[in-house]
Amino acid sequence: MMPELGKYAVTVLSAYGVTLVLLLGLTGLSWRRWRRLKAEMDRIERGRDG
């Protein structure tokens, strides 16, 4: 189902590749930040229980 891209194939496919890498990077950074903030919130909650 790949359309014929002709002489623009390298440009289009590299744009798709860069976009995919950026999306994966942003997802990874968001996930890492979520884990860090969740750990901080858990630490604060444990301090209140004690």
Protein backbone atom coordinates (compact mmCIF):
# COMPACT_ATOMS: atom_id res chain seq x y z
CA MET A 1 0.00 0.00 0.00
CA MET A 2 2.99 2.30 -0.46
CA PRO A 3 2.19 5.11 -2.89
CA GLU A 4 4.66 5.85 -5.66
CA LEU A 5 6.71 8.80 -4.42
CA GLY A 6 9.04 9.13 -7.37
CA LYS A 7 11.98 11.47 -6.90
CA TYR A 8 10.60 12.71 -3.56
CA ALA A 9 10.77 9.30 -1.87
CA VAL A 10 13.90 10.07 0.17
CA THR A 11 12.57 13.44 1.30
CA VAL A 12 9.13 12.12 2.29
CA LEU A 13 10.42 9.00 4.02
CA SER A 14 13.08 10.93 5.92
CA ALA A 15 10.41 13.41 7.07
CA TYR A 16 8.34 10.48 8.32
CA GLY A 17 11.41 9.09 10.09
CA VAL A 18 12.26 12.39 11.80
CA THR A 19 8.64 12.80 12.88
CA LEU A 20 8.56 9.30 14.34
CA VAL A 21 11.80 9.88 16.26
CA LEU A 22 10.51 13.19 17.65
CA LEU A 23 7.20 11.66 18.72
CA LEU A 24 8.97 8.76 20.43
CA GLY A 25 11.34 11.18 22.14
CA LEU A 26 8.54 13.37 23.44
CA THR A 27 6.64 10.31 24.63
CA GLY A 28 9.73 9.02 26.42
CA LEU A 29 10.41 12.36 28.10
CA SER A 30 6.79 12.66 29.20
CA TRP A 31 6.80 9.14 30.58
CA ARG A 32 10.07 9.78 32.46
CA ARG A 33 8.71 13.01 33.94
CA TRP A 34 5.48 11.27 34.96
CA ARG A 35 7.46 8.58 36.79
CA ARG A 36 9.59 11.20 38.57
CA LEU A 37 6.56 13.25 39.66
CA LYS A 38 4.67 10.14 40.75
CA ALA A 39 7.63 9.07 42.89
CA GLU A 40 7.79 12.55 44.44
CA MET A 41 4.05 12.52 45.17
CA ASP A 42 4.33 9.04 46.72
CA ARG A 43 7.19 10.26 48.91
CA ILE A 44 5.14 13.25 50.07
CA GLU A 45 2.12 11.03 50.79
CA ARG A 46 4.26 8.64 52.86
CA GLY A 47 5.53 11.60 54.89
CA ARG A 48 1.98 12.62 55.78
CA ASP A 49 1.06 9.11 56.98
CA GLY A 50 3.99 8.94 59.42
